Amino acid sequence: MSALQAVTDQTFQIEVAQADKPVLVDFWAPWCGPCRQLTPIVEQLADEYGDKVKFVAINIDENPMTAQQYGVVSIPSLTMFKAGQPVKTVVGARPKPMLLNELSEYFG
């Protein structure tokens, strides 16, 4: 079972914008090879930092409105939201140490 909660166009506002802690959103699609490579890394981060950051995933094929609203044009795309606003985006697959380095300020 994935450690990432699935969100949709309908639930995004409640689960992400109204969350009481930072939220890392994984924008992905089933046909995306790099997305499949990145998912286990993001799941590891969720296991390790789930007490500080909420981790969710949104399938952009099934939920195009949210992807369009936040300007997602390439996937995988990880966007950190704080107080309902996007504050950092990482586009493309990365090894875990690089992701931790880029997002560490939100995990501390």
PDB file of N, CA and C in Angstrom:
ATOM      1  N   MET A   1       0.838  -1.192   0.000  1.00  0.00           N
ATOM      2  CA  MET A   1       0.000   0.000   0.000  1.00  0.00           C
ATOM      3  C   MET A   1       0.883   1.256   0.000  1.00  0.00           C
ATOM      4  N   SER A   2       0.491   2.199  -0.785  1.00  0.00           N
ATOM      5  CA  SER A   2       1.269   3.429  -0.894  1.00  0.00           C
ATOM      6  C   SER A   2       1.111   4.281   0.361  1.00  0.00           C
ATOM      7  N   ALA A   3       2.229   4.906   0.748  1.00  0.00           N
ATOM      8  CA  ALA A   3       2.191   5.820   1.887  1.00  0.00           C
ATOM      9  C   ALA A   3       1.621   7.174   1.477  1.00  0.00           C
ATOM     10  N   LEU A   4       1.383   7.344   0.181  1.00  0.00           N
ATOM     11  CA  LEU A   4       0.895   8.618  -0.322  1.00  0.00           C
ATOM     12  C   LEU A   4      -0.624   8.584  -0.441  1.00  0.00           C
ATOM     13  N   GLN A   5      -1.270   9.548   0.169  1.00  0.00           N
ATOM     14  CA  GLN A   5      -2.718   9.666   0.073  1.00  0.00           C
ATOM     15  C   GLN A   5      -3.066  10.214  -1.308  1.00  0.00           C
ATOM     16  N   ALA A   6      -4.006   9.570  -1.989  1.00  0.00           N
ATOM     17  CA  ALA A   6      -4.454  10.058  -3.290  1.00  0.00           C
ATOM     18  C   ALA A   6      -5.421  11.219  -3.092  1.00  0.00           C
ATOM     19  N   VAL A   7      -5.203  12.296  -3.856  1.00  0.00           N
ATOM     20  CA  VAL A   7      -6.132  13.419  -3.849  1.00  0.00           C
ATOM     21  C   VAL A   7      -6.642  13.631  -5.267  1.00  0.00           C
ATOM     22  N   THR A   8      -7.749  14.339  -5.380  1.00  0.00           N
ATOM     23  CA  THR A   8      -8.383  14.586  -6.670  1.00  0.00           C
ATOM     24  C   THR A   8      -8.656  16.080  -6.828  1.00  0.00           C
ATOM     25  N   ASP A   9      -9.135  16.458  -7.998  1.00  0.00           N
ATOM     26  CA  ASP A   9      -9.538  17.853  -8.201  1.00  0.00           C
ATOM     27  C   ASP A   9     -10.548  18.271  -7.127  1.00  0.00           C
ATOM     28  N   GLN A  10     -11.424  17.333  -6.737  1.00  0.00           N
ATOM     29  CA  GLN A  10     -12.478  17.646  -5.779  1.00  0.00           C
ATOM     30  C   GLN A  10     -11.964  17.742  -4.338  1.00  0.00           C
ATOM     31  N   THR A  11     -10.931  16.974  -3.989  1.00  0.00           N
ATOM     32  CA  THR A  11     -10.467  16.949  -2.595  1.00  0.00           C
ATOM     33  C   THR A  11      -9.206  17.780  -2.359  1.00  0.00           C
ATOM     34  N   PHE A  12      -8.620  18.326  -3.409  1.00  0.00           N
ATOM     35  CA  PHE A  12      -7.341  19.021  -3.292  1.00  0.00           C
ATOM     36  C   PHE A  12      -7.411  20.183  -2.293  1.00  0.00           C
ATOM     37  N   GLN A  13      -8.424  21.011  -2.383  1.00  0.00           N
ATOM     38  CA  GLN A  13      -8.522  22.173  -1.498  1.00  0.00           C
ATOM     39  C   GLN A  13      -8.561  21.765  -0.030  1.00  0.00           C
ATOM     40  N   ILE A  14      -9.330  20.754   0.281  1.00  0.00           N
ATOM     41  CA  ILE A  14      -9.459  20.317   1.673  1.00  0.00           C
ATOM     42  C   ILE A  14      -8.172  19.654   2.156  1.00  0.00           C
ATOM     43  N   GLU A  15      -7.626  18.743   1.354  1.00  0.00           N
ATOM     44  CA  GLU A  15      -6.473  17.946   1.789  1.00  0.00           C
ATOM     45  C   GLU A  15      -5.153  18.713   1.736  1.00  0.00           C
ATOM     46  N   VAL A  16      -5.035  19.664   0.819  1.00  0.00           N
ATOM     47  CA  VAL A  16      -3.761  20.365   0.643  1.00  0.00           C
ATOM     48  C   VAL A  16      -3.844  21.810   1.121  1.00  0.00           C
ATOM     49  N   ALA A  17      -4.753  22.582   0.538  1.00  0.00           N
ATOM     50  CA  ALA A  17      -4.807  24.010   0.837  1.00  0.00           C
ATOM     51  C   ALA A  17      -5.192  24.278   2.291  1.00  0.00           C
ATOM     52  N   GLN A  18      -5.974  23.393   2.888  1.00  0.00           N
ATOM     53  CA  GLN A  18      -6.431  23.614   4.258  1.00  0.00           C
ATOM     54  C   GLN A  18      -5.691  22.749   5.278  1.00  0.00           C
ATOM     55  N   ALA A  19      -4.596  22.120   4.877  1.00  0.00           N
ATOM     56  CA  ALA A  19      -3.834  21.252   5.791  1.00  0.00           C
ATOM     57  C   ALA A  19      -3.160  22.086   6.878  1.00  0.00           C
ATOM     58  N   ASP A  20      -2.973  21.477   8.040  1.00  0.00           N
ATOM     59  CA  ASP A  20      -2.382  22.186   9.173  1.00  0.00           C
ATOM     60  C   ASP A  20      -0.860  22.043   9.244  1.00  0.00           C
ATOM     61  N   LYS A  21      -0.254  21.411   8.232  1.00  0.00           N
ATOM     62  CA  LYS A  21       1.203  21.316   8.140  1.00  0.00           C
ATOM     63  C   LYS A  21       1.582  21.352   6.664  1.00  0.00           C
ATOM     64  N   PRO A  22       2.865  21.512   6.356  1.00  0.00           N
ATOM     65  CA  PRO A  22       3.259  21.535   4.941  1.00  0.00           C
ATOM     66  C   PRO A  22       2.828  20.247   4.233  1.00  0.00           C
ATOM     67  N   VAL A  23       2.547  20.366   2.941  1.00  0.00           N
ATOM     68  CA  VAL A  23       2.098  19.218   2.150  1.00  0.00           C
ATOM     69  C   VAL A  23       2.978  19.098   0.910  1.00  0.00           C
ATOM     70  N   LEU A  24       3.524  17.902   0.684  1.00  0.00           N
ATOM     71  CA  LEU A  24       4.268  17.626  -0.537  1.00  0.00           C
ATOM     72  C   LEU A  24       3.335  16.901  -1.491  1.00  0.00           C
ATOM     73  N   VAL A  25       3.070  17.522  -2.646  1.00  0.00           N
ATOM     74  CA  VAL A  25       2.168  16.952  -3.643  1.00  0.00           C
ATOM     75  C   VAL A  25       2.996  16.359  -4.776  1.00  0.00           C
ATOM     76  N   ASP A  26       2.768  15.087  -5.056  1.00  0.00           N
ATOM     77  CA  ASP A  26       3.411  14.384  -6.157  1.00  0.00           C
ATOM     78  C   ASP A  26       2.432  14.382  -7.335  1.00  0.00           C
ATOM     79  N   PHE A  27       2.727  15.211  -8.343  1.00  0.00           N
ATOM     80  CA  PHE A  27       1.932  15.225  -9.572  1.00  0.00           C
ATOM     81  C   PHE A  27       2.519  14.141 -10.479  1.00  0.00           C
ATOM     82  N   TRP A  28       1.690  13.164 -10.889  1.00  0.00           N
ATOM     83  CA  TRP A  28       2.194  12.017 -11.632  1.00  0.00           C
ATOM     84  C   TRP A  28       1.146  11.510 -12.615  1.00  0.00           C
ATOM     85  N   ALA A  29       1.538  10.512 -13.425  1.00  0.00           N
ATOM     86  CA  ALA A  29       0.615   9.813 -14.320  1.00  0.00           C
ATOM     87  C   ALA A  29       1.117   8.372 -14.463  1.00  0.00           C
ATOM     88  N   PRO A  30       0.205   7.417 -14.688  1.00  0.00           N
ATOM     89  CA  PRO A  30       0.596   6.011 -14.740  1.00  0.00           C
ATOM     90  C   PRO A  30       1.573   5.682 -15.878  1.00  0.00           C
ATOM     91  N   TRP A  31       1.512   6.406 -16.970  1.00  0.00           N
ATOM     92  CA  TRP A  31       2.370   6.132 -18.129  1.00  0.00           C
ATOM     93  C   TRP A  31       3.775   6.715 -17.993  1.00  0.00           C
ATOM     94  N   CYS A  32       4.031   7.463 -16.942  1.00  0.00           N
ATOM     95  CA  CYS A  32       5.287   8.197 -16.758  1.00  0.00           C
ATOM     96  C   CYS A  32       6.328   7.317 -16.062  1.00  0.00           C
ATOM     97  N   GLY A  33       7.344   6.886 -16.803  1.00  0.00           N
ATOM     98  CA  GLY A  33       8.406   6.049 -16.251  1.00  0.00           C
ATOM     99  C   GLY A  33       9.156   6.704 -15.101  1.00  0.00           C
ATOM    100  N   PRO A  34       9.620   7.958 -15.262  1.00  0.00           N
ATOM    101  CA  PRO A  34      10.298   8.616 -14.149  1.00  0.00           C
ATOM    102  C   PRO A  34       9.409   8.763 -12.905  1.00  0.00           C
ATOM    103  N   CYS A  35       8.101   8.888 -13.110  1.00  0.00           N
ATOM    104  CA  CYS A  35       7.178   8.960 -11.964  1.00  0.00           C
ATOM    105  C   CYS A  35       7.237   7.653 -11.176  1.00  0.00           C
ATOM    106  N   ARG A  36       7.246   6.528 -11.906  1.00  0.00           N
ATOM    107  CA  ARG A  36       7.306   5.224 -11.240  1.00  0.00           C
ATOM    108  C   ARG A  36       8.624   5.045 -10.499  1.00  0.00           C
ATOM    109  N   GLN A  37       9.703   5.655 -11.006  1.00  0.00           N
ATOM    110  CA  GLN A  37      10.991   5.594 -10.314  1.00  0.00           C
ATOM    111  C   GLN A  37      10.974   6.451  -9.051  1.00  0.00           C
ATOM    112  N   LEU A  38      10.289   7.572  -9.104  1.00  0.00           N
ATOM    113  CA  LEU A  38      10.285   8.521  -7.994  1.00  0.00           C
ATOM    114  C   LEU A  38       9.354   8.111  -6.847  1.00  0.00           C
ATOM    115  N   THR A  39       8.267   7.432  -7.168  1.00  0.00           N
ATOM    116  CA  THR A  39       7.260   7.101  -6.151  1.00  0.00           C
ATOM    117  C   THR A  39       7.842   6.382  -4.936  1.00  0.00           C
ATOM    118  N   PRO A  40       8.666   5.339  -5.101  1.00  0.00           N
ATOM    119  CA  PRO A  40       9.205   4.677  -3.898  1.00  0.00           C
ATOM    120  C   PRO A  40      10.053   5.619  -3.039  1.00  0.00           C
ATOM    121  N   ILE A  41      10.744   6.551  -3.656  1.00  0.00           N
ATOM    122  CA  ILE A  41      11.556   7.512  -2.905  1.00  0.00           C
ATOM    123  C   ILE A  41      10.651   8.435  -2.096  1.00  0.00           C
ATOM    124  N   VAL A  42       9.598   8.920  -2.728  1.00  0.00           N
ATOM    125  CA  VAL A  42       8.653   9.806  -2.028  1.00  0.00           C
ATOM    126  C   VAL A  42       7.956   9.032  -0.908  1.00  0.00           C
ATOM    127  N   GLU A  43       7.657   7.751  -1.137  1.00  0.00           N
ATOM    128  CA  GLU A  43       7.041   6.940  -0.087  1.00  0.00           C
ATOM    129  C   GLU A  43       7.995   6.773   1.100  1.00  0.00           C
ATOM    130  N   GLN A  44       9.294   6.603   0.832  1.00  0.00           N
ATOM    131  CA  GLN A  44      10.279   6.523   1.919  1.00  0.00           C
ATOM    132  C   GLN A  44      10.299   7.824   2.719  1.00  0.00           C
ATOM    133  N   LEU A  45      10.265   8.946   2.004  1.00  0.00           N
ATOM    134  CA  LEU A  45      10.238  10.242   2.686  1.00  0.00           C
ATOM    135  C   LEU A  45       8.981  10.372   3.539  1.00  0.00           C
ATOM    136  N   ALA A  46       7.858   9.881   3.023  1.00  0.00           N
ATOM    137  CA  ALA A  46       6.604   9.935   3.775  1.00  0.00           C
ATOM    138  C   ALA A  46       6.708   9.110   5.054  1.00  0.00           C
ATOM    139  N   ASP A  47       7.352   7.942   4.965  1.00  0.00           N
ATOM    140  CA  ASP A  47       7.533   7.105   6.152  1.00  0.00           C
ATOM    141  C   ASP A  47       8.422   7.809   7.181  1.00  0.00           C
ATOM    142  N   GLU A  48       9.449   8.498   6.702  1.00  0.00           N
ATOM    143  CA  GLU A  48      10.420   9.123   7.594  1.00  0.00           C
ATOM    144  C   GLU A  48       9.973  10.484   8.133  1.00  0.00           C
ATOM    145  N   TYR A  49       9.215  11.243   7.337  1.00  0.00           N
ATOM    146  CA  TYR A  49       8.884  12.626   7.716  1.00  0.00           C
ATOM    147  C   TYR A  49       7.385  12.894   7.779  1.00  0.00           C
ATOM    148  N   GLY A  50       6.585  11.841   7.768  1.00  0.00           N
ATOM    149  CA  GLY A  50       5.131  11.998   7.775  1.00  0.00           C
ATOM    150  C   GLY A  50       4.577  12.712   8.994  1.00  0.00           C
ATOM    151  N   ASP A  51       5.372  12.789  10.074  1.00  0.00           N
ATOM    152  CA  ASP A  51       4.894  13.513  11.249  1.00  0.00           C
ATOM    153  C   ASP A  51       5.039  15.023  11.076  1.00  0.00           C
ATOM    154  N   LYS A  52       5.921  15.455  10.151  1.00  0.00           N
ATOM    155  CA  LYS A  52       6.157  16.885   9.937  1.00  0.00           C
ATOM    156  C   LYS A  52       5.514  17.415   8.661  1.00  0.00           C
ATOM    157  N   VAL A  53       5.386  16.529   7.668  1.00  0.00           N
ATOM    158  CA  VAL A  53       4.884  16.916   6.350  1.00  0.00           C
ATOM    159  C   VAL A  53       3.843  15.891   5.905  1.00  0.00           C
ATOM    160  N   LYS A  54       2.767  16.376   5.321  1.00  0.00           N
ATOM    161  CA  LYS A  54       1.758  15.497   4.739  1.00  0.00           C
ATOM    162  C   LYS A  54       2.180  15.195   3.299  1.00  0.00           C
ATOM    163  N   PHE A  55       2.044  13.951   2.871  1.00  0.00           N
ATOM    164  CA  PHE A  55       2.430  13.539   1.527  1.00  0.00           C
ATOM    165  C   PHE A  55       1.199  13.048   0.775  1.00  0.00           C
ATOM    166  N   VAL A  56       0.952  13.629  -0.394  1.00  0.00           N
ATOM    167  CA  VAL A  56      -0.185  13.223  -1.220  1.00  0.00           C
ATOM    168  C   VAL A  56       0.264  13.088  -2.676  1.00  0.00           C
ATOM    169  N   ALA A  57      -0.539  12.374  -3.450  1.00  0.00           N
ATOM    170  CA  ALA A  57      -0.257  12.206  -4.874  1.00  0.00           C
ATOM    171  C   ALA A  57      -1.525  12.494  -5.663  1.00  0.00           C
ATOM    172  N   ILE A  58      -1.343  13.101  -6.836  1.00  0.00           N
ATOM    173  CA  ILE A  58      -2.489  13.389  -7.701  1.00  0.00           C
ATOM    174  C   ILE A  58      -2.160  12.963  -9.128  1.00  0.00           C
ATOM    175  N   ASN A  59      -3.012  12.124  -9.686  1.00  0.00           N
ATOM    176  CA  ASN A  59      -2.875  11.644 -11.052  1.00  0.00           C
ATOM    177  C   ASN A  59      -3.373  12.754 -11.984  1.00  0.00           C
ATOM    178  N   ILE A  60      -2.445  13.333 -12.764  1.00  0.00           N
ATOM    179  CA  ILE A  60      -2.836  14.490 -13.576  1.00  0.00           C
ATOM    180  C   ILE A  60      -3.724  14.117 -14.758  1.00  0.00           C
ATOM    181  N   ASP A  61      -3.711  12.858 -15.182  1.00  0.00           N
ATOM    182  CA  ASP A  61      -4.610  12.432 -16.256  1.00  0.00           C
ATOM    183  C   ASP A  61      -6.056  12.433 -15.780  1.00  0.00           C
ATOM    184  N   GLU A  62      -6.264  12.007 -14.545  1.00  0.00           N
ATOM    185  CA  GLU A  62      -7.616  11.936 -13.990  1.00  0.00           C
ATOM    186  C   GLU A  62      -8.049  13.252 -13.350  1.00  0.00           C
ATOM    187  N   ASN A  63      -7.088  14.145 -13.085  1.00  0.00           N
ATOM    188  CA  ASN A  63      -7.375  15.403 -12.381  1.00  0.00           C
ATOM    189  C   ASN A  63      -6.656  16.570 -13.057  1.00  0.00           C
ATOM    190  N   PRO A  64      -7.026  16.875 -14.292  1.00  0.00           N
ATOM    191  CA  PRO A  64      -6.302  17.903 -15.046  1.00  0.00           C
ATOM    192  C   PRO A  64      -6.502  19.324 -14.524  1.00  0.00           C
ATOM    193  N   MET A  65      -7.606  19.598 -13.836  1.00  0.00           N
ATOM    194  CA  MET A  65      -7.869  20.967 -13.381  1.00  0.00           C
ATOM    195  C   MET A  65      -6.827  21.436 -12.380  1.00  0.00           C
ATOM    196  N   THR A  66      -6.467  20.584 -11.431  1.00  0.00           N
ATOM    197  CA  THR A  66      -5.482  20.966 -10.410  1.00  0.00           C
ATOM    198  C   THR A  66      -4.107  21.151 -11.033  1.00  0.00           C
ATOM    199  N   ALA A  67      -3.724  20.231 -11.925  1.00  0.00           N
ATOM    200  CA  ALA A  67      -2.427  20.359 -12.603  1.00  0.00           C
ATOM    201  C   ALA A  67      -2.363  21.661 -13.390  1.00  0.00           C
ATOM    202  N   GLN A  68      -3.429  21.998 -14.074  1.00  0.00           N
ATOM    203  CA  GLN A  68      -3.471  23.246 -14.846  1.00  0.00           C
ATOM    204  C   GLN A  68      -3.424  24.457 -13.921  1.00  0.00           C
ATOM    205  N   GLN A  69      -4.156  24.396 -12.823  1.00  0.00           N
ATOM    206  CA  GLN A  69      -4.204  25.517 -11.880  1.00  0.00           C
ATOM    207  C   GLN A  69      -2.818  25.850 -11.340  1.00  0.00           C
ATOM    208  N   TYR A  70      -1.989  24.830 -11.132  1.00  0.00           N
ATOM    209  CA  TYR A  70      -0.663  25.060 -10.568  1.00  0.00           C
ATOM    210  C   TYR A  70       0.455  25.002 -11.610  1.00  0.00           C
ATOM    211  N   GLY A  71       0.090  25.051 -12.878  1.00  0.00           N
ATOM    212  CA  GLY A  71       1.075  25.176 -13.949  1.00  0.00           C
ATOM    213  C   GLY A  71       1.973  23.973 -14.137  1.00  0.00           C
ATOM    214  N   VAL A  72       1.471  22.787 -13.848  1.00  0.00           N
ATOM    215  CA  VAL A  72       2.273  21.572 -14.017  1.00  0.00           C
ATOM    216  C   VAL A  72       2.295  21.208 -15.504  1.00  0.00           C
ATOM    217  N   VAL A  73       3.481  21.294 -16.103  1.00  0.00           N
ATOM    218  CA  VAL A  73       3.622  20.966 -17.527  1.00  0.00           C
ATOM    219  C   VAL A  73       4.555  19.781 -17.745  1.00  0.00           C
ATOM    220  N   SER A  74       5.351  19.433 -16.755  1.00  0.00           N
ATOM    221  CA  SER A  74       6.243  18.274 -16.830  1.00  0.00           C
ATOM    222  C   SER A  74       6.069  17.446 -15.564  1.00  0.00           C
ATOM    223  N   ILE A  75       6.138  16.122 -15.743  1.00  0.00           N
ATOM    224  CA  ILE A  75       6.055  15.237 -14.586  1.00  0.00           C
ATOM    225  C   ILE A  75       7.217  14.264 -14.639  1.00  0.00           C
ATOM    226  N   PRO A  76       7.629  13.720 -13.512  1.00  0.00           N
ATOM    227  CA  PRO A  76       7.087  13.984 -12.188  1.00  0.00           C
ATOM    228  C   PRO A  76       7.388  15.395 -11.724  1.00  0.00           C
ATOM    229  N   SER A  77       6.477  15.902 -10.954  1.00  0.00           N
ATOM    230  CA  SER A  77       6.637  17.236 -10.382  1.00  0.00           C
ATOM    231  C   SER A  77       6.197  17.171  -8.925  1.00  0.00           C
ATOM    232  N   LEU A  78       7.106  17.544  -8.031  1.00  0.00           N
ATOM    233  CA  LEU A  78       6.799  17.585  -6.603  1.00  0.00           C
ATOM    234  C   LEU A  78       6.675  19.042  -6.199  1.00  0.00           C
ATOM    235  N   THR A  79       5.556  19.400  -5.594  1.00  0.00           N
ATOM    236  CA  THR A  79       5.360  20.769  -5.143  1.00  0.00           C
ATOM    237  C   THR A  79       5.059  20.767  -3.655  1.00  0.00           C
ATOM    238  N   MET A  80       5.826  21.573  -2.925  1.00  0.00           N
ATOM    239  CA  MET A  80       5.603  21.731  -1.489  1.00  0.00           C
ATOM    240  C   MET A  80       4.646  22.897  -1.282  1.00  0.00           C
ATOM    241  N   PHE A  81       3.599  22.651  -0.529  1.00  0.00           N
ATOM    242  CA  PHE A  81       2.628  23.684  -0.182  1.00  0.00           C
ATOM    243  C   PHE A  81       2.766  23.997   1.301  1.00  0.00           C
ATOM    244  N   LYS A  82       2.732  25.275   1.613  1.00  0.00           N
ATOM    245  CA  LYS A  82       2.766  25.729   3.000  1.00  0.00           C
ATOM    246  C   LYS A  82       1.666  26.770   3.142  1.00  0.00           C
ATOM    247  N   ALA A  83       0.812  26.593   4.131  1.00  0.00           N
ATOM    248  CA  ALA A  83      -0.335  27.488   4.342  1.00  0.00           C
ATOM    249  C   ALA A  83      -1.165  27.617   3.067  1.00  0.00           C
ATOM    250  N   GLY A  84      -1.296  26.504   2.338  1.00  0.00           N
ATOM    251  CA  GLY A  84      -2.129  26.472   1.146  1.00  0.00           C
ATOM    252  C   GLY A  84      -1.507  27.041  -0.115  1.00  0.00           C
ATOM    253  N   GLN A  85      -0.270  27.507  -0.030  1.00  0.00           N
ATOM    254  CA  GLN A  85       0.389  28.125  -1.187  1.00  0.00           C
ATOM    255  C   GLN A  85       1.606  27.307  -1.617  1.00  0.00           C
ATOM    256  N   PRO A  86       1.822  27.180  -2.931  1.00  0.00           N
ATOM    257  CA  PRO A  86       3.018  26.481  -3.390  1.00  0.00           C
ATOM    258  C   PRO A  86       4.263  27.307  -3.071  1.00  0.00           C
ATOM    259  N   VAL A  87       5.258  26.681  -2.427  1.00  0.00           N
ATOM    260  CA  VAL A  87       6.461  27.405  -2.028  1.00  0.00           C
ATOM    261  C   VAL A  87       7.726  26.844  -2.675  1.00  0.00           C
ATOM    262  N   LYS A  88       7.656  25.625  -3.212  1.00  0.00           N
ATOM    263  CA  LYS A  88       8.843  25.029  -3.837  1.00  0.00           C
ATOM    264  C   LYS A  88       8.384  23.924  -4.771  1.00  0.00           C
ATOM    265  N   THR A  89       8.970  23.867  -5.976  1.00  0.00           N
ATOM    266  CA  THR A  89       8.659  22.810  -6.929  1.00  0.00           C
ATOM    267  C   THR A  89       9.952  22.177  -7.420  1.00  0.00           C
ATOM    268  N   VAL A  90       9.945  20.855  -7.462  1.00  0.00           N
ATOM    269  CA  VAL A  90      11.061  20.081  -7.994  1.00  0.00           C
ATOM    270  C   VAL A  90      10.507  19.260  -9.155  1.00  0.00           C
ATOM    271  N   VAL A  91      11.029  19.504 -10.362  1.00  0.00           N
ATOM    272  CA  VAL A  91      10.551  18.810 -11.551  1.00  0.00           C
ATOM    273  C   VAL A  91      11.581  17.773 -11.962  1.00  0.00           C
ATOM    274  N   GLY A  92      11.098  16.547 -12.220  1.00  0.00           N
ATOM    275  CA  GLY A  92      11.970  15.468 -12.652  1.00  0.00           C
ATOM    276  C   GLY A  92      12.344  14.549 -11.511  1.00  0.00           C
ATOM    277  N   ALA A  93      12.716  13.325 -11.874  1.00  0.00           N
ATOM    278  CA  ALA A  93      13.123  12.337 -10.874  1.00  0.00           C
ATOM    279  C   ALA A  93      14.490  12.721 -10.313  1.00  0.00           C
ATOM    280  N   ARG A  94      14.677  12.475  -9.044  1.00  0.00           N
ATOM    281  CA  ARG A  94      15.930  12.762  -8.353  1.00  0.00           C
ATOM    282  C   ARG A  94      16.243  11.610  -7.404  1.00  0.00           C
ATOM    283  N   PRO A  95      17.525  11.364  -7.135  1.00  0.00           N
ATOM    284  CA  PRO A  95      17.850  10.405  -6.073  1.00  0.00           C
ATOM    285  C   PRO A  95      17.425  10.978  -4.718  1.00  0.00           C
ATOM    286  N   LYS A  96      17.205  10.101  -3.772  1.00  0.00           N
ATOM    287  CA  LYS A  96      16.728  10.520  -2.457  1.00  0.00           C
ATOM    288  C   LYS A  96      17.617  11.584  -1.803  1.00  0.00           C
ATOM    289  N   PRO A  97      18.960  11.434  -1.814  1.00  0.00           N
ATOM    290  CA  PRO A  97      19.777  12.477  -1.162  1.00  0.00           C
ATOM    291  C   PRO A  97      19.584  13.865  -1.791  1.00  0.00           C
ATOM    292  N   MET A  98      19.408  13.911  -3.096  1.00  0.00           N
ATOM    293  CA  MET A  98      19.211  15.196  -3.770  1.00  0.00           C
ATOM    294  C   MET A  98      17.853  15.793  -3.395  1.00  0.00           C
ATOM    295  N   LEU A  99      16.828  14.948  -3.338  1.00  0.00           N
ATOM    296  CA  LEU A  99      15.503  15.432  -2.930  1.00  0.00           C
ATOM    297  C   LEU A  99      15.544  15.958  -1.501  1.00  0.00           C
ATOM    298  N   LEU A 100      16.189  15.211  -0.619  1.00  0.00           N
ATOM    299  CA  LEU A 100      16.297  15.665   0.770  1.00  0.00           C
ATOM    300  C   LEU A 100      16.996  17.011   0.844  1.00  0.00           C
ATOM    301  N   ASN A 101      18.039  17.177   0.071  1.00  0.00           N
ATOM    302  CA  ASN A 101      18.769  18.437   0.056  1.00  0.00           C
ATOM    303  C   ASN A 101      17.881  19.587  -0.418  1.00  0.00           C
ATOM    304  N   GLU A 102      17.106  19.339  -1.474  1.00  0.00           N
ATOM    305  CA  GLU A 102      16.272  20.398  -2.035  1.00  0.00           C
ATOM    306  C   GLU A 102      15.077  20.746  -1.153  1.00  0.00           C
ATOM    307  N   LEU A 103      14.619  19.786  -0.359  1.00  0.00           N
ATOM    308  CA  LEU A 103      13.401  19.995   0.419  1.00  0.00           C
ATOM    309  C   LEU A 103      13.646  20.012   1.940  1.00  0.00           C
ATOM    310  N   SER A 104      14.895  19.938   2.366  1.00  0.00           N
ATOM    311  CA  SER A 104      15.219  19.758   3.775  1.00  0.00           C
ATOM    312  C   SER A 104      14.633  20.843   4.687  1.00  0.00           C
ATOM    313  N   GLU A 105      14.526  22.061   4.197  1.00  0.00           N
ATOM    314  CA  GLU A 105      14.011  23.135   5.053  1.00  0.00           C
ATOM    315  C   GLU A 105      12.573  22.869   5.514  1.00  0.00           C
ATOM    316  N   TYR A 106      11.826  22.026   4.785  1.00  0.00           N
ATOM    317  CA  TYR A 106      10.438  21.736   5.147  1.00  0.00           C
ATOM    318  C   TYR A 106      10.319  20.492   6.022  1.00  0.00           C
ATOM    319  N   PHE A 107      11.388  19.694   6.074  1.00  0.00           N
ATOM    320  CA  PHE A 107      11.366  18.455   6.860  1.00  0.00           C
ATOM    321  C   PHE A 107      11.918  18.650   8.262  1.00  0.00           C
ATOM    322  N   GLY A 108      12.576  19.786   8.513  1.00  0.00           N
ATOM    323  CA  GLY A 108      13.240  20.007   9.794  1.00  0.00           C
ATOM    324  C   GLY A 108      12.355  20.374  10.866  1.00  0.00           C
TER     325      GLY A 108
END
